[in-house]
N, C-alpha and C. Protein backbone atom coordinates (compact mmCIF):
# COMPACT_ATOMS: atom_id res chain seq x y z
N MET A 1 75.50 162.64 51.87
CA MET A 1 74.41 163.57 51.48
C MET A 1 73.61 162.99 50.37
N ARG A 2 72.31 163.12 50.43
CA ARG A 2 71.41 162.74 49.30
C ARG A 2 70.16 163.51 49.31
N LEU A 3 69.53 163.64 48.13
CA LEU A 3 68.28 164.32 48.02
C LEU A 3 67.17 163.52 48.72
N ASP A 4 66.59 164.14 49.75
CA ASP A 4 65.65 163.49 50.65
C ASP A 4 64.16 163.71 50.29
N HIS A 5 63.83 165.01 50.18
CA HIS A 5 62.39 165.29 49.82
C HIS A 5 62.29 166.67 49.29
N VAL A 6 61.13 166.94 48.70
CA VAL A 6 60.74 168.31 48.25
C VAL A 6 59.49 168.76 48.96
N SER A 7 59.41 170.03 49.27
CA SER A 7 58.29 170.50 50.13
C SER A 7 57.44 171.52 49.34
N TYR A 8 56.15 171.28 49.38
CA TYR A 8 55.15 172.14 48.71
C TYR A 8 54.28 172.72 49.78
N VAL A 9 53.99 173.97 49.71
CA VAL A 9 53.19 174.71 50.69
C VAL A 9 51.80 174.96 50.17
N ALA A 10 50.83 174.72 51.04
CA ALA A 10 49.42 175.08 50.81
C ALA A 10 48.93 175.83 51.98
N SER A 11 47.81 176.56 51.82
CA SER A 11 47.14 177.17 52.98
C SER A 11 46.42 176.09 53.78
N HIS A 12 46.08 176.39 54.98
CA HIS A 12 45.34 175.45 55.83
C HIS A 12 44.02 175.08 55.19
N ASP A 13 43.37 176.02 54.52
CA ASP A 13 42.06 175.78 53.93
C ASP A 13 42.18 174.95 52.63
N GLN A 14 43.33 175.04 51.99
CA GLN A 14 43.42 174.40 50.65
C GLN A 14 44.31 173.11 50.67
N ILE A 15 44.82 172.72 51.84
CA ILE A 15 45.74 171.58 51.85
C ILE A 15 45.07 170.30 51.36
N SER A 16 43.82 170.07 51.74
CA SER A 16 43.16 168.86 51.32
C SER A 16 43.01 168.72 49.82
N ASP A 17 42.71 169.89 49.18
CA ASP A 17 42.57 169.96 47.71
C ASP A 17 43.95 169.71 47.05
N VAL A 18 45.02 170.31 47.62
CA VAL A 18 46.32 170.12 47.02
C VAL A 18 46.82 168.67 47.21
N VAL A 19 46.52 168.06 48.36
CA VAL A 19 46.91 166.67 48.57
C VAL A 19 46.21 165.76 47.57
N ASN A 20 44.95 166.00 47.32
CA ASN A 20 44.20 165.19 46.38
C ASN A 20 44.66 165.41 44.96
N ARG A 21 44.97 166.62 44.58
CA ARG A 21 45.47 166.94 43.23
C ARG A 21 46.83 166.32 42.92
N ILE A 22 47.74 166.56 43.81
CA ILE A 22 49.09 166.00 43.54
C ILE A 22 49.13 164.49 43.73
N GLY A 23 48.37 163.97 44.67
CA GLY A 23 48.30 162.56 44.84
C GLY A 23 47.76 161.81 43.54
N SER A 24 46.74 162.45 42.95
CA SER A 24 46.22 161.96 41.70
C SER A 24 47.27 162.03 40.58
N GLN A 25 47.99 163.11 40.50
CA GLN A 25 49.02 163.33 39.50
C GLN A 25 50.15 162.24 39.59
N ILE A 26 50.58 161.89 40.75
CA ILE A 26 51.63 161.00 40.92
C ILE A 26 51.18 159.60 41.16
N ALA A 27 49.88 159.34 41.15
CA ALA A 27 49.24 158.05 41.36
C ALA A 27 49.65 157.39 42.69
N THR A 28 49.75 158.23 43.74
CA THR A 28 50.21 157.76 45.08
C THR A 28 49.42 158.44 46.12
N ALA A 29 48.98 157.76 47.10
CA ALA A 29 48.18 158.26 48.22
C ALA A 29 49.10 159.01 49.18
N PHE A 30 48.71 160.17 49.67
CA PHE A 30 49.41 160.84 50.73
C PHE A 30 48.98 160.31 52.07
N ILE A 31 49.91 160.36 53.05
CA ILE A 31 49.70 159.97 54.39
C ILE A 31 49.63 161.19 55.25
N ASP A 32 48.76 161.23 56.24
CA ASP A 32 48.72 162.34 57.20
C ASP A 32 49.96 162.20 58.05
N GLY A 33 50.84 163.20 57.92
CA GLY A 33 52.11 163.17 58.65
C GLY A 33 52.03 163.76 60.00
N GLY A 34 50.97 164.38 60.35
CA GLY A 34 50.78 164.95 61.74
C GLY A 34 51.29 166.36 61.82
N ILE A 35 51.47 166.78 63.05
CA ILE A 35 51.77 168.20 63.39
C ILE A 35 53.21 168.37 63.85
N HIS A 36 53.81 169.47 63.40
CA HIS A 36 55.10 169.91 63.95
C HIS A 36 54.88 170.94 65.05
N PRO A 37 54.81 170.50 66.30
CA PRO A 37 54.47 171.41 67.37
C PRO A 37 55.46 172.63 67.51
N LYS A 38 56.75 172.35 67.19
CA LYS A 38 57.74 173.37 67.35
C LYS A 38 57.65 174.46 66.31
N PHE A 39 57.05 174.09 65.16
CA PHE A 39 57.01 175.01 63.99
C PHE A 39 55.62 175.59 63.73
N GLY A 40 54.61 175.05 64.33
CA GLY A 40 53.24 175.48 64.10
C GLY A 40 52.80 175.19 62.70
N THR A 41 53.18 173.97 62.22
CA THR A 41 52.76 173.51 60.85
C THR A 41 52.30 172.06 60.96
N ARG A 42 51.70 171.62 59.89
CA ARG A 42 51.33 170.22 59.76
C ARG A 42 51.62 169.75 58.33
N ASN A 43 51.69 168.49 58.14
CA ASN A 43 52.06 168.03 56.79
C ASN A 43 51.39 166.72 56.41
N PHE A 44 51.40 166.43 55.08
CA PHE A 44 51.08 165.18 54.50
C PHE A 44 52.27 164.76 53.65
N THR A 45 52.54 163.43 53.57
CA THR A 45 53.66 162.95 52.83
C THR A 45 53.25 161.87 51.86
N ALA A 46 53.91 161.78 50.73
CA ALA A 46 53.72 160.73 49.72
C ALA A 46 55.08 160.12 49.42
N PRO A 47 55.22 158.80 49.47
CA PRO A 47 56.51 158.18 49.22
C PRO A 47 56.87 158.14 47.75
N LEU A 48 58.13 158.27 47.42
CA LEU A 48 58.61 158.16 46.07
C LEU A 48 59.72 157.15 46.08
N LEU A 49 60.10 156.70 44.87
CA LEU A 49 61.18 155.74 44.79
C LEU A 49 62.49 156.43 45.14
N ASN A 50 63.51 155.62 45.34
CA ASN A 50 64.88 156.10 45.67
C ASN A 50 64.95 156.70 47.06
N GLY A 51 64.04 156.26 47.92
CA GLY A 51 64.08 156.73 49.34
C GLY A 51 63.71 158.19 49.51
N GLN A 52 62.93 158.75 48.56
CA GLN A 52 62.57 160.16 48.62
C GLN A 52 61.04 160.27 48.84
N TYR A 53 60.59 161.50 49.05
CA TYR A 53 59.14 161.72 49.26
C TYR A 53 58.81 163.19 49.01
N ILE A 54 57.52 163.41 48.79
CA ILE A 54 56.96 164.75 48.66
C ILE A 54 56.25 165.10 49.98
N GLU A 55 56.50 166.29 50.42
CA GLU A 55 55.87 166.78 51.61
C GLU A 55 54.93 167.94 51.19
N ILE A 56 53.66 167.92 51.64
CA ILE A 56 52.81 169.10 51.47
C ILE A 56 52.51 169.63 52.90
N VAL A 57 52.89 170.90 53.13
CA VAL A 57 52.88 171.38 54.48
C VAL A 57 52.04 172.70 54.48
N CYS A 58 51.40 172.95 55.66
CA CYS A 58 50.59 174.21 55.71
C CYS A 58 50.88 174.82 57.11
N PRO A 59 50.72 176.17 57.23
CA PRO A 59 50.80 176.82 58.54
C PRO A 59 49.55 176.59 59.32
N MET A 60 49.68 176.60 60.61
CA MET A 60 48.54 176.52 61.49
C MET A 60 48.37 177.85 62.24
N ASP A 61 47.20 178.03 62.82
CA ASP A 61 46.96 179.26 63.64
C ASP A 61 47.55 179.02 65.00
N HIS A 62 48.84 179.19 65.10
CA HIS A 62 49.58 178.86 66.30
C HIS A 62 50.76 179.81 66.53
N PRO A 63 51.06 180.20 67.73
CA PRO A 63 52.18 181.17 67.95
C PRO A 63 53.53 180.68 67.42
N ALA A 64 53.72 179.35 67.42
CA ALA A 64 54.99 178.82 66.97
C ALA A 64 55.27 179.07 65.48
N THR A 65 54.21 179.34 64.73
CA THR A 65 54.36 179.62 63.31
C THR A 65 55.17 180.93 63.12
N GLU A 66 55.06 181.85 64.07
CA GLU A 66 55.73 183.14 63.98
C GLU A 66 57.12 183.12 64.67
N ALA A 67 57.39 181.97 65.42
CA ALA A 67 58.53 181.99 66.28
C ALA A 67 59.74 181.28 65.75
N THR A 68 59.58 180.54 64.63
CA THR A 68 60.72 179.74 64.10
C THR A 68 60.89 180.04 62.59
N PRO A 69 62.14 179.89 62.13
CA PRO A 69 62.35 180.10 60.67
C PRO A 69 61.51 179.25 59.77
N PHE A 70 61.33 177.95 60.14
CA PHE A 70 60.51 177.04 59.25
C PHE A 70 59.04 177.52 59.29
N GLY A 71 58.57 177.77 60.44
CA GLY A 71 57.14 178.25 60.47
C GLY A 71 56.93 179.54 59.76
N LYS A 72 57.85 180.45 59.87
CA LYS A 72 57.74 181.74 59.13
C LYS A 72 57.83 181.50 57.65
N ALA A 73 58.73 180.61 57.18
CA ALA A 73 58.86 180.35 55.75
C ALA A 73 57.62 179.76 55.21
N VAL A 74 57.02 178.84 55.93
CA VAL A 74 55.79 178.16 55.43
C VAL A 74 54.65 179.16 55.40
N LYS A 75 54.51 179.97 56.39
CA LYS A 75 53.42 180.95 56.47
C LYS A 75 53.61 182.03 55.31
N LYS A 76 54.82 182.46 55.09
CA LYS A 76 55.08 183.43 54.05
C LYS A 76 54.72 182.88 52.71
N LYS A 77 55.13 181.67 52.46
CA LYS A 77 54.83 181.00 51.17
C LYS A 77 53.31 180.78 50.96
N ALA A 78 52.63 180.43 52.04
CA ALA A 78 51.16 180.24 52.01
C ALA A 78 50.48 181.60 51.62
N GLU A 79 50.93 182.65 52.24
CA GLU A 79 50.36 183.97 52.01
C GLU A 79 50.65 184.45 50.59
N GLU A 80 51.69 183.94 49.99
CA GLU A 80 52.00 184.29 48.62
C GLU A 80 51.26 183.45 47.59
N GLY A 81 50.45 182.51 48.10
CA GLY A 81 49.68 181.66 47.24
C GLY A 81 50.05 180.24 47.18
N GLY A 82 51.12 179.91 47.94
CA GLY A 82 51.59 178.53 48.01
C GLY A 82 52.46 178.11 46.86
N GLY A 83 52.82 176.82 46.84
CA GLY A 83 53.68 176.26 45.77
C GLY A 83 54.92 175.67 46.41
N TRP A 84 55.89 175.35 45.53
CA TRP A 84 57.15 174.73 45.99
C TRP A 84 57.93 175.65 46.86
N MET A 85 58.36 175.16 48.03
CA MET A 85 59.13 175.98 48.94
C MET A 85 60.56 175.56 49.02
N ALA A 86 60.87 174.24 49.03
CA ALA A 86 62.23 173.82 49.29
C ALA A 86 62.55 172.47 48.76
N TRP A 87 63.85 172.21 48.55
CA TRP A 87 64.36 170.86 48.32
C TRP A 87 65.30 170.59 49.48
N VAL A 88 65.34 169.33 49.97
CA VAL A 88 65.96 169.01 51.27
C VAL A 88 66.92 167.87 51.05
N PHE A 89 68.15 167.98 51.58
CA PHE A 89 69.11 166.88 51.52
C PHE A 89 69.33 166.35 52.96
N SER A 90 69.37 165.04 53.01
CA SER A 90 69.64 164.39 54.32
C SER A 90 71.12 164.01 54.32
N VAL A 91 71.64 164.05 55.52
CA VAL A 91 73.06 163.78 55.79
C VAL A 91 73.20 162.85 57.01
N GLU A 92 74.27 162.06 57.05
CA GLU A 92 74.47 161.14 58.13
C GLU A 92 75.06 161.88 59.35
N ASP A 93 75.78 162.89 59.15
CA ASP A 93 76.43 163.66 60.27
C ASP A 93 76.25 165.13 60.04
N ILE A 94 75.25 165.66 60.71
CA ILE A 94 74.88 167.12 60.43
C ILE A 94 75.94 168.02 61.07
N SER A 95 76.83 167.54 61.94
CA SER A 95 77.79 168.40 62.57
C SER A 95 78.72 169.01 61.55
N VAL A 96 78.95 168.38 60.40
CA VAL A 96 79.74 168.97 59.33
C VAL A 96 79.02 170.21 58.77
N ILE A 97 77.71 170.13 58.61
CA ILE A 97 76.93 171.26 58.13
C ILE A 97 76.88 172.34 59.18
N GLU A 98 76.73 171.96 60.43
CA GLU A 98 76.71 172.94 61.54
C GLU A 98 78.00 173.76 61.53
N LYS A 99 79.12 173.03 61.39
CA LYS A 99 80.40 173.74 61.43
C LYS A 99 80.54 174.76 60.28
N ALA A 100 80.04 174.38 59.11
CA ALA A 100 80.13 175.30 57.98
C ALA A 100 79.23 176.55 58.18
N PHE A 101 78.08 176.29 58.77
CA PHE A 101 77.13 177.44 59.00
C PHE A 101 77.49 178.24 60.29
N GLY A 102 78.22 177.64 61.12
CA GLY A 102 78.69 178.31 62.39
C GLY A 102 77.56 178.41 63.43
N ARG A 103 76.65 177.40 63.41
CA ARG A 103 75.58 177.39 64.43
C ARG A 103 75.08 175.93 64.50
N GLU A 104 74.30 175.68 65.56
CA GLU A 104 73.75 174.37 65.75
C GLU A 104 72.48 174.19 64.99
N ALA A 105 72.25 172.92 64.57
CA ALA A 105 71.02 172.58 63.91
C ALA A 105 69.82 172.62 64.92
N THR A 106 68.66 172.73 64.40
CA THR A 106 67.43 172.75 65.22
C THR A 106 66.87 171.37 65.50
N GLU A 107 66.73 170.99 66.73
CA GLU A 107 66.04 169.72 67.07
C GLU A 107 64.56 169.79 66.67
N SER A 108 64.09 168.81 65.98
CA SER A 108 62.76 168.83 65.47
C SER A 108 62.03 167.50 65.61
N TYR A 109 60.74 167.53 65.64
CA TYR A 109 59.93 166.32 65.69
C TYR A 109 58.55 166.59 65.24
N ARG A 110 57.84 165.48 64.89
CA ARG A 110 56.41 165.58 64.69
C ARG A 110 55.74 164.29 65.13
N ARG A 111 54.57 164.43 65.66
CA ARG A 111 53.82 163.28 66.12
C ARG A 111 52.78 162.93 65.08
N LYS A 112 52.87 161.68 64.58
CA LYS A 112 51.93 161.20 63.56
C LYS A 112 50.64 160.75 64.20
N PRO A 113 49.52 160.62 63.40
CA PRO A 113 48.26 160.27 63.97
C PRO A 113 48.23 158.91 64.67
N ASP A 114 49.21 158.04 64.35
CA ASP A 114 49.27 156.76 65.03
C ASP A 114 50.06 156.81 66.31
N SER A 115 50.41 158.08 66.75
CA SER A 115 51.18 158.38 67.99
C SER A 115 52.64 158.08 67.88
N SER A 116 53.12 157.56 66.73
CA SER A 116 54.61 157.40 66.63
C SER A 116 55.19 158.80 66.35
N ILE A 117 56.46 158.97 66.72
CA ILE A 117 57.16 160.26 66.67
C ILE A 117 58.35 160.16 65.77
N LEU A 118 58.46 161.08 64.82
CA LEU A 118 59.61 161.23 64.02
C LEU A 118 60.51 162.34 64.59
N LYS A 119 61.83 162.08 64.67
CA LYS A 119 62.80 163.02 65.18
C LYS A 119 63.91 163.24 64.20
N TRP A 120 64.37 164.52 64.08
CA TRP A 120 65.44 164.86 63.21
C TRP A 120 66.06 166.19 63.64
N LYS A 121 67.15 166.55 63.08
CA LYS A 121 67.71 167.87 63.14
C LYS A 121 67.68 168.51 61.81
N GLN A 122 67.54 169.87 61.72
CA GLN A 122 67.58 170.53 60.45
C GLN A 122 68.30 171.87 60.54
N ILE A 123 68.93 172.27 59.43
CA ILE A 123 69.63 173.49 59.39
C ILE A 123 69.64 174.03 57.99
N GLY A 124 69.70 175.37 57.86
CA GLY A 124 69.69 176.03 56.54
C GLY A 124 68.37 176.66 56.16
N VAL A 125 67.37 176.59 57.00
CA VAL A 125 66.09 177.19 56.68
C VAL A 125 66.18 178.73 56.62
N MET A 126 67.00 179.30 57.52
CA MET A 126 67.16 180.73 57.48
C MET A 126 67.74 181.25 56.12
N GLU A 127 68.65 180.40 55.60
CA GLU A 127 69.24 180.78 54.31
C GLU A 127 68.26 180.71 53.15
N ILE A 128 67.30 179.80 53.16
CA ILE A 128 66.35 179.73 52.06
C ILE A 128 65.33 180.85 52.05
N THR A 129 65.19 181.56 53.23
CA THR A 129 64.33 182.75 53.24
C THR A 129 64.94 183.87 52.51
N GLU A 130 66.27 183.90 52.43
CA GLU A 130 66.99 184.93 51.71
C GLU A 130 67.33 184.52 50.26
N SER A 131 67.56 183.22 50.00
CA SER A 131 67.92 182.74 48.70
C SER A 131 67.18 181.43 48.43
N SER A 132 66.02 181.57 47.85
CA SER A 132 65.03 180.41 47.78
C SER A 132 65.46 179.29 46.93
N GLU A 133 66.54 179.46 46.12
CA GLU A 133 66.97 178.31 45.30
C GLU A 133 67.89 177.36 46.12
N LEU A 134 68.32 177.75 47.27
CA LEU A 134 69.14 176.92 48.08
C LEU A 134 68.33 175.79 48.77
N PRO A 135 68.94 174.58 48.94
CA PRO A 135 68.28 173.59 49.78
C PRO A 135 68.60 173.81 51.23
N PHE A 136 67.87 173.07 52.11
CA PHE A 136 68.35 172.98 53.51
C PHE A 136 68.65 171.58 53.80
N PHE A 137 69.11 171.22 55.01
CA PHE A 137 69.70 169.92 55.35
C PHE A 137 69.09 169.33 56.62
N ILE A 138 69.03 167.98 56.63
CA ILE A 138 68.35 167.31 57.68
C ILE A 138 69.11 166.03 58.02
N GLU A 139 69.10 165.68 59.33
CA GLU A 139 69.69 164.41 59.76
C GLU A 139 68.54 163.68 60.53
N TRP A 140 68.19 162.50 60.05
CA TRP A 140 67.12 161.73 60.66
C TRP A 140 67.58 161.04 61.86
N HIS A 141 66.80 160.89 62.91
CA HIS A 141 67.16 160.17 64.15
C HIS A 141 66.30 158.99 64.35
N VAL A 142 65.52 158.59 63.37
CA VAL A 142 64.59 157.46 63.51
C VAL A 142 64.65 156.63 62.15
N PRO A 143 64.40 155.35 62.23
CA PRO A 143 64.41 154.54 61.01
C PRO A 143 63.16 154.63 60.17
N ASN A 144 62.07 155.10 60.73
CA ASN A 144 60.75 155.12 60.05
C ASN A 144 60.67 156.35 59.13
N HIS A 145 61.50 156.31 58.04
CA HIS A 145 61.55 157.45 57.10
C HIS A 145 60.23 157.63 56.34
N PRO A 146 59.76 158.83 56.06
CA PRO A 146 58.49 159.01 55.38
C PRO A 146 58.39 158.30 54.01
N SER A 147 59.47 158.02 53.39
CA SER A 147 59.48 157.27 52.08
C SER A 147 58.93 155.88 52.21
N LYS A 148 58.85 155.40 53.51
CA LYS A 148 58.39 154.04 53.80
C LYS A 148 56.93 154.01 54.09
N ASP A 149 56.32 155.18 54.19
CA ASP A 149 54.85 155.27 54.47
C ASP A 149 54.08 155.11 53.14
N GLY A 150 53.55 153.93 52.89
CA GLY A 150 52.78 153.70 51.64
C GLY A 150 53.70 153.05 50.59
N ARG A 151 53.13 152.93 49.42
CA ARG A 151 53.82 152.24 48.31
C ARG A 151 54.31 153.24 47.29
N ALA A 152 55.63 153.29 47.08
CA ALA A 152 56.19 154.21 46.11
C ALA A 152 56.22 153.64 44.72
N ILE A 153 55.69 154.41 43.77
CA ILE A 153 55.72 153.94 42.37
C ILE A 153 56.23 155.05 41.42
N SER A 154 56.39 156.26 41.92
CA SER A 154 56.86 157.39 41.04
C SER A 154 58.18 157.92 41.61
N GLU A 155 58.86 158.62 40.70
CA GLU A 155 60.20 159.16 41.13
C GLU A 155 60.46 160.53 40.56
N ILE A 156 61.26 161.28 41.29
CA ILE A 156 61.62 162.65 40.80
C ILE A 156 62.61 162.48 39.61
N LYS A 157 62.33 163.20 38.56
CA LYS A 157 63.16 163.17 37.37
C LYS A 157 63.96 164.48 37.24
N ASN A 158 63.32 165.62 37.34
CA ASN A 158 63.93 166.89 37.24
C ASN A 158 63.40 167.92 38.22
N LEU A 159 64.30 168.84 38.57
CA LEU A 159 63.85 170.06 39.34
C LEU A 159 64.11 171.25 38.40
N ILE A 160 63.09 172.05 38.25
CA ILE A 160 63.26 173.31 37.49
C ILE A 160 63.31 174.41 38.54
N ILE A 161 64.47 175.12 38.62
CA ILE A 161 64.71 176.05 39.63
C ILE A 161 65.12 177.41 39.05
N ALA A 162 64.44 178.46 39.45
CA ALA A 162 64.80 179.84 39.07
C ALA A 162 65.96 180.33 39.95
N SER A 163 67.05 180.78 39.35
CA SER A 163 68.18 181.19 40.16
C SER A 163 69.04 182.18 39.42
N GLN A 164 69.62 183.07 40.13
CA GLN A 164 70.56 184.01 39.60
C GLN A 164 71.98 183.48 39.73
N ASP A 165 72.21 182.60 40.67
CA ASP A 165 73.57 182.15 41.02
C ASP A 165 73.84 180.68 40.74
N GLU A 166 72.78 179.85 40.56
CA GLU A 166 72.91 178.44 40.32
C GLU A 166 73.85 177.78 41.32
N LEU A 167 73.57 178.05 42.63
CA LEU A 167 74.26 177.50 43.73
C LEU A 167 75.69 178.02 43.94
N SER A 168 76.07 178.98 43.23
CA SER A 168 77.43 179.52 43.41
C SER A 168 77.58 180.18 44.81
N ASN A 169 76.44 180.56 45.45
CA ASN A 169 76.51 181.13 46.78
C ASN A 169 76.27 180.07 47.86
N SER A 170 76.30 178.78 47.49
CA SER A 170 76.09 177.71 48.46
C SER A 170 77.44 177.24 48.97
N LEU A 171 77.46 176.92 50.24
CA LEU A 171 78.67 176.35 50.87
C LEU A 171 78.92 174.87 50.43
N PHE A 172 77.89 174.27 49.82
CA PHE A 172 77.92 172.85 49.51
C PHE A 172 77.58 172.54 48.06
N LYS A 173 77.96 173.49 47.16
CA LYS A 173 77.57 173.29 45.75
C LYS A 173 78.01 171.97 45.15
N ASP A 174 79.25 171.63 45.34
CA ASP A 174 79.78 170.37 44.71
C ASP A 174 79.12 169.15 45.33
N GLN A 175 78.94 169.13 46.68
CA GLN A 175 78.34 167.98 47.28
C GLN A 175 76.89 167.80 46.85
N ILE A 176 76.17 168.90 46.71
CA ILE A 176 74.76 168.87 46.24
C ILE A 176 74.70 168.24 44.85
N HIS A 177 75.53 168.65 43.93
CA HIS A 177 75.48 168.13 42.59
C HIS A 177 75.85 166.64 42.59
N ARG A 178 76.75 166.24 43.48
CA ARG A 178 77.16 164.83 43.49
C ARG A 178 76.10 163.90 44.15
N SER A 179 75.16 164.56 44.84
CA SER A 179 74.21 163.79 45.65
C SER A 179 72.82 163.77 45.02
N LEU A 180 72.64 164.13 43.80
CA LEU A 180 71.34 164.18 43.18
C LEU A 180 70.82 162.78 42.67
N ASN A 181 71.77 161.85 42.58
CA ASN A 181 71.41 160.44 42.24
C ASN A 181 70.50 160.30 41.03
N GLY A 182 70.92 160.98 39.99
CA GLY A 182 70.21 160.88 38.70
C GLY A 182 69.17 161.96 38.40
N VAL A 183 68.82 162.69 39.51
CA VAL A 183 67.91 163.86 39.29
C VAL A 183 68.66 164.98 38.67
N THR A 184 68.14 165.59 37.66
CA THR A 184 68.78 166.71 36.97
C THR A 184 68.12 168.04 37.39
N ILE A 185 68.91 169.10 37.30
CA ILE A 185 68.42 170.45 37.58
C ILE A 185 68.39 171.25 36.35
N GLU A 186 67.26 171.88 36.00
CA GLU A 186 67.16 172.80 34.92
C GLU A 186 67.07 174.22 35.53
N TRP A 187 68.06 175.02 35.25
CA TRP A 187 68.09 176.38 35.82
C TRP A 187 67.38 177.34 34.90
N GLU A 188 66.54 178.16 35.48
CA GLU A 188 65.78 179.19 34.79
C GLU A 188 66.20 180.54 35.26
N ASP A 189 66.21 181.51 34.36
CA ASP A 189 66.50 182.86 34.73
C ASP A 189 65.37 183.40 35.60
N ILE A 190 65.75 184.08 36.66
CA ILE A 190 64.67 184.62 37.57
C ILE A 190 63.76 185.61 36.88
N LYS A 191 64.22 186.18 35.73
CA LYS A 191 63.38 187.09 35.01
C LYS A 191 62.13 186.35 34.41
N ASN A 192 62.26 184.99 34.24
CA ASN A 192 61.13 184.24 33.76
C ASN A 192 60.24 183.79 34.89
N ASN A 193 60.53 184.23 36.12
CA ASN A 193 59.76 183.80 37.33
C ASN A 193 59.51 185.02 38.22
N GLU A 194 59.12 186.13 37.57
CA GLU A 194 58.77 187.36 38.22
C GLU A 194 59.90 187.82 39.15
N ASN A 195 61.16 187.58 38.73
CA ASN A 195 62.34 187.96 39.49
C ASN A 195 62.48 187.33 40.84
N SER A 196 61.88 186.16 40.97
CA SER A 196 61.95 185.44 42.19
C SER A 196 62.70 184.10 41.99
N SER A 197 63.56 183.79 43.00
CA SER A 197 64.25 182.50 42.89
C SER A 197 63.48 181.35 43.61
N GLY A 198 63.89 180.18 43.35
CA GLY A 198 63.27 179.00 44.00
C GLY A 198 62.74 177.98 43.01
N ILE A 199 62.23 176.87 43.50
CA ILE A 199 61.67 175.86 42.69
C ILE A 199 60.43 176.32 41.93
N ILE A 200 60.51 176.18 40.58
CA ILE A 200 59.31 176.48 39.79
C ILE A 200 58.51 175.27 39.57
N ALA A 201 59.07 174.11 39.37
CA ALA A 201 58.34 172.89 39.02
C ALA A 201 59.18 171.65 39.40
N VAL A 202 58.47 170.55 39.64
CA VAL A 202 59.16 169.27 39.88
C VAL A 202 58.58 168.34 38.79
N ILE A 203 59.48 167.70 38.06
CA ILE A 203 59.05 166.72 37.02
C ILE A 203 59.14 165.32 37.58
N ILE A 204 58.01 164.62 37.55
CA ILE A 204 57.92 163.30 38.16
C ILE A 204 57.63 162.26 37.11
N ASN A 205 58.40 161.19 37.21
CA ASN A 205 58.18 160.01 36.27
C ASN A 205 57.19 159.07 36.98
N THR A 206 55.98 158.91 36.44
CA THR A 206 54.90 158.10 37.04
C THR A 206 54.60 156.91 36.15
N PRO A 207 53.88 155.90 36.64
CA PRO A 207 53.47 154.80 35.78
C PRO A 207 52.62 155.24 34.60
N ASN A 208 52.01 156.43 34.72
CA ASN A 208 51.18 156.95 33.62
C ASN A 208 51.88 157.96 32.74
N GLY A 209 53.19 158.09 32.94
CA GLY A 209 53.96 158.98 32.09
C GLY A 209 54.62 160.09 32.92
N ILE A 210 55.28 160.99 32.27
CA ILE A 210 56.02 162.04 32.97
C ILE A 210 55.08 163.23 33.11
N ILE A 211 55.01 163.77 34.40
CA ILE A 211 54.13 164.89 34.62
C ILE A 211 54.92 166.02 35.28
N ARG A 212 54.42 167.22 35.08
CA ARG A 212 55.05 168.41 35.68
C ARG A 212 54.17 168.95 36.76
N ILE A 213 54.66 169.23 37.94
CA ILE A 213 53.90 169.75 39.01
C ILE A 213 54.42 171.14 39.31
N ASP A 214 53.64 172.17 39.05
CA ASP A 214 54.07 173.55 39.32
C ASP A 214 53.64 173.99 40.67
């Protein structure tokens, strides 16, 4: 298990502005990641050091957005004004996570503008709709990981997360903490975040200094 990426939600109308703003902040160009047909969403990704990346995702005007947990989570976050939605851990064998959750992971894919296809399984999205400080989990089925798209020069330093439980309600608390690879978590009281849990900000170490992305 390792920290794979962090996801930021924008509305369909605002995603270009968000991509330009965050790309400028981290001094890294975003790549058009294409469409998730199964979820009714699309994304852009920017590579980071340590095999990680930032995803900016938006809902589309598509029935699939209302039909899947991921599509619903993205649309809900966009309607709330957007911002950080999730942190995601990749695993080599997602069957261990499936057994703990008692259900199968969702087969997922997206087609990039160059017609290449990324495939993976994911699980835990339903849980983040109830407890937004929790991560979800992914198993990649292709070698062309998004962290390889472009040149990575910045890295995640800290995650600031509003939480009442600090992962005490997670099935994988110990594994998550062991898999952060130098990234630290700063826990905030949910009272300081309008009584809402979830990622408040991501602190990025860039060639131009340390920046905070809210």
